Amino acid sequence: MSNQLTIVARILAKEEKRDLVKAELLKLIDFTRTEKGCINYDLHQDNKDPNLFLFYENWESYELWQIHMGNQHLADYLKATEGAVVEFIVHEMTNIS
């Protein structure tokens, strides 16, 4: 069994803050993709609800994802979007098939 970790992160922005949240999410991509252990880090925007964003990520291990979660660029994102996000849910998943 692989130690690989899949993350599905759901971010629901306040409608009036959607552009801010989107811009801040986009800023995370280039840096994160260069981080040790990052296999893919893909941002999606819902076709029917433009306030809904979803990150689909794969990491070599839980430990390397935890290092990512402690990085400054994520702290900067959280500070920049404080009060702009209605919901932020992270699912830590394992591929079973």
C-alpha atoms as a PDB file:
ATOM      1  CA  MET A   1       0.000   0.000   0.000  1.00  0.00           C
ATOM      2  CA  SER A   2       1.255   3.434  -0.937  1.00  0.00           C
ATOM      3  CA  ASN A   3       1.889   6.223   1.548  1.00  0.00           C
ATOM      4  CA  GLN A   4       0.638   8.668  -1.080  1.00  0.00           C
ATOM      5  CA  LEU A   5      -1.949  11.127   0.193  1.00  0.00           C
ATOM      6  CA  THR A   6      -4.725  12.713  -1.838  1.00  0.00           C
ATOM      7  CA  ILE A   7      -6.167  15.995  -0.634  1.00  0.00           C
ATOM      8  CA  VAL A   8      -9.470  17.434  -1.776  1.00  0.00           C
ATOM      9  CA  ALA A   9      -9.884  20.935  -0.384  1.00  0.00           C
ATOM     10  CA  ARG A  10     -13.214  22.726  -0.826  1.00  0.00           C
ATOM     11  CA  ILE A  11     -13.209  26.519  -0.527  1.00  0.00           C
ATOM     12  CA  LEU A  12     -16.454  28.477  -0.702  1.00  0.00           C
ATOM     13  CA  ALA A  13     -15.876  32.208  -1.091  1.00  0.00           C
ATOM     14  CA  LYS A  14     -18.300  34.959  -0.204  1.00  0.00           C
ATOM     15  CA  GLU A  15     -19.766  36.180  -3.485  1.00  0.00           C
ATOM     16  CA  GLU A  16     -18.472  39.716  -3.032  1.00  0.00           C
ATOM     17  CA  LYS A  17     -14.992  38.372  -2.196  1.00  0.00           C
ATOM     18  CA  ARG A  18     -14.777  35.737  -4.965  1.00  0.00           C
ATOM     19  CA  ASP A  19     -12.196  37.608  -7.057  1.00  0.00           C
ATOM     20  CA  LEU A  20      -9.964  38.187  -4.024  1.00  0.00           C
ATOM     21  CA  VAL A  21     -10.122  34.534  -2.962  1.00  0.00           C
ATOM     22  CA  LYS A  22      -9.476  33.323  -6.510  1.00  0.00           C
ATOM     23  CA  ALA A  23      -6.450  35.594  -6.892  1.00  0.00           C
ATOM     24  CA  GLU A  24      -5.017  34.443  -3.565  1.00  0.00           C
ATOM     25  CA  LEU A  25      -5.596  30.765  -4.403  1.00  0.00           C
ATOM     26  CA  LEU A  26      -3.837  31.197  -7.744  1.00  0.00           C
ATOM     27  CA  LYS A  27      -0.824  32.672  -5.948  1.00  0.00           C
ATOM     28  CA  LEU A  28      -0.361  29.359  -4.087  1.00  0.00           C
ATOM     29  CA  ILE A  29       0.059  27.201  -7.168  1.00  0.00           C
ATOM     30  CA  ASP A  30       3.531  27.884  -8.579  1.00  0.00           C
ATOM     31  CA  PHE A  31       5.286  27.761  -5.218  1.00  0.00           C
ATOM     32  CA  THR A  32       3.409  24.671  -4.021  1.00  0.00           C
ATOM     33  CA  ARG A  33       4.132  22.721  -7.193  1.00  0.00           C
ATOM     34  CA  THR A  34       7.864  23.085  -6.485  1.00  0.00           C
ATOM     35  CA  GLU A  35       7.594  21.786  -2.916  1.00  0.00           C
ATOM     36  CA  LYS A  36       9.161  18.465  -2.017  1.00  0.00           C
ATOM     37  CA  GLY A  37       6.578  15.706  -2.205  1.00  0.00           C
ATOM     38  CA  CYS A  38       4.041  17.540  -4.361  1.00  0.00           C
ATOM     39  CA  ILE A  39       2.862  15.273  -7.172  1.00  0.00           C
ATOM     40  CA  ASN A  40       0.093  17.550  -8.405  1.00  0.00           C
ATOM     41  CA  TYR A  41      -1.711  20.628  -7.107  1.00  0.00           C
ATOM     42  CA  ASP A  42      -4.679  21.531  -9.289  1.00  0.00           C
ATOM     43  CA  LEU A  43      -7.231  24.274  -8.686  1.00  0.00           C
ATOM     44  CA  HIS A  44     -10.763  24.029 -10.057  1.00  0.00           C
ATOM     45  CA  GLN A  45     -13.696  26.457 -10.101  1.00  0.00           C
ATOM     46  CA  ASP A  46     -17.252  25.120 -10.169  1.00  0.00           C
ATOM     47  CA  ASN A  47     -19.102  25.679 -13.460  1.00  0.00           C
ATOM     48  CA  LYS A  48     -22.431  26.388 -11.778  1.00  0.00           C
ATOM     49  CA  ASP A  49     -21.273  28.138  -8.599  1.00  0.00           C
ATOM     50  CA  PRO A  50     -18.307  30.411  -9.352  1.00  0.00           C
ATOM     51  CA  ASN A  51     -17.836  31.012  -5.611  1.00  0.00           C
ATOM     52  CA  LEU A  52     -16.806  27.359  -5.131  1.00  0.00           C
ATOM     53  CA  PHE A  53     -13.178  26.329  -5.594  1.00  0.00           C
ATOM     54  CA  LEU A  54     -11.640  22.912  -5.216  1.00  0.00           C
ATOM     55  CA  PHE A  55      -8.002  21.900  -4.921  1.00  0.00           C
ATOM     56  CA  TYR A  56      -7.156  18.363  -5.984  1.00  0.00           C
ATOM     57  CA  GLU A  57      -3.711  17.471  -4.665  1.00  0.00           C
ATOM     58  CA  ASN A  58      -1.499  14.422  -4.432  1.00  0.00           C
ATOM     59  CA  TRP A  59       1.470  14.219  -2.077  1.00  0.00           C
ATOM     60  CA  GLU A  60       4.144  11.568  -1.695  1.00  0.00           C
ATOM     61  CA  SER A  61       3.331  11.294   2.016  1.00  0.00           C
ATOM     62  CA  TYR A  62       1.286  12.762   4.844  1.00  0.00           C
ATOM     63  CA  GLU A  63       4.484  14.101   6.424  1.00  0.00           C
ATOM     64  CA  LEU A  64       5.452  16.085   3.323  1.00  0.00           C
ATOM     65  CA  TRP A  65       1.910  17.496   3.086  1.00  0.00           C
ATOM     66  CA  GLN A  66       2.184  18.595   6.715  1.00  0.00           C
ATOM     67  CA  ILE A  67       5.368  20.507   5.872  1.00  0.00           C
ATOM     68  CA  HIS A  68       3.437  22.197   3.051  1.00  0.00           C
ATOM     69  CA  MET A  69       0.637  23.102   5.463  1.00  0.00           C
ATOM     70  CA  GLY A  70       3.123  24.872   7.739  1.00  0.00           C
ATOM     71  CA  ASN A  71       4.676  27.009   5.002  1.00  0.00           C
ATOM     72  CA  GLN A  72       4.513  30.797   5.033  1.00  0.00           C
ATOM     73  CA  HIS A  73       2.654  31.104   1.725  1.00  0.00           C
ATOM     74  CA  LEU A  74      -0.346  29.317   3.250  1.00  0.00           C
ATOM     75  CA  ALA A  75      -0.258  31.575   6.310  1.00  0.00           C
ATOM     76  CA  ASP A  76      -0.173  34.553   3.947  1.00  0.00           C
ATOM     77  CA  TYR A  77      -3.190  33.184   2.054  1.00  0.00           C
ATOM     78  CA  LEU A  78      -5.160  32.720   5.286  1.00  0.00           C
ATOM     79  CA  LYS A  79      -4.375  36.263   6.396  1.00  0.00           C
ATOM     80  CA  ALA A  80      -5.266  37.776   2.992  1.00  0.00           C
ATOM     81  CA  THR A  81      -8.603  35.940   2.817  1.00  0.00           C
ATOM     82  CA  GLU A  82      -9.670  36.315   6.442  1.00  0.00           C
ATOM     83  CA  GLY A  83     -13.420  36.973   6.473  1.00  0.00           C
ATOM     84  CA  ALA A  84     -13.725  36.252   2.719  1.00  0.00           C
ATOM     85  CA  VAL A  85     -14.351  32.494   2.928  1.00  0.00           C
ATOM     86  CA  VAL A  86     -17.661  30.966   3.998  1.00  0.00           C
ATOM     87  CA  GLU A  87     -16.375  27.398   4.226  1.00  0.00           C
ATOM     88  CA  PHE A  88     -13.033  25.606   3.986  1.00  0.00           C
ATOM     89  CA  ILE A  89     -13.124  21.817   4.181  1.00  0.00           C
ATOM     90  CA  VAL A  90     -10.115  19.535   3.695  1.00  0.00           C
ATOM     91  CA  HIS A  91     -10.511  15.833   2.977  1.00  0.00           C
ATOM     92  CA  GLU A  92      -7.434  13.637   3.515  1.00  0.00           C
ATOM     93  CA  MET A  93      -7.904  10.596   1.296  1.00  0.00           C
ATOM     94  CA  THR A  94      -6.193   7.344   0.338  1.00  0.00           C
ATOM     95  CA  ASN A  95      -6.558   5.714  -3.071  1.00  0.00           C
ATOM     96  CA  ILE A  96      -8.074   2.259  -2.548  1.00  0.00           C
ATOM     97  CA  SER A  97      -8.413   1.109  -6.142  1.00  0.00           C
END
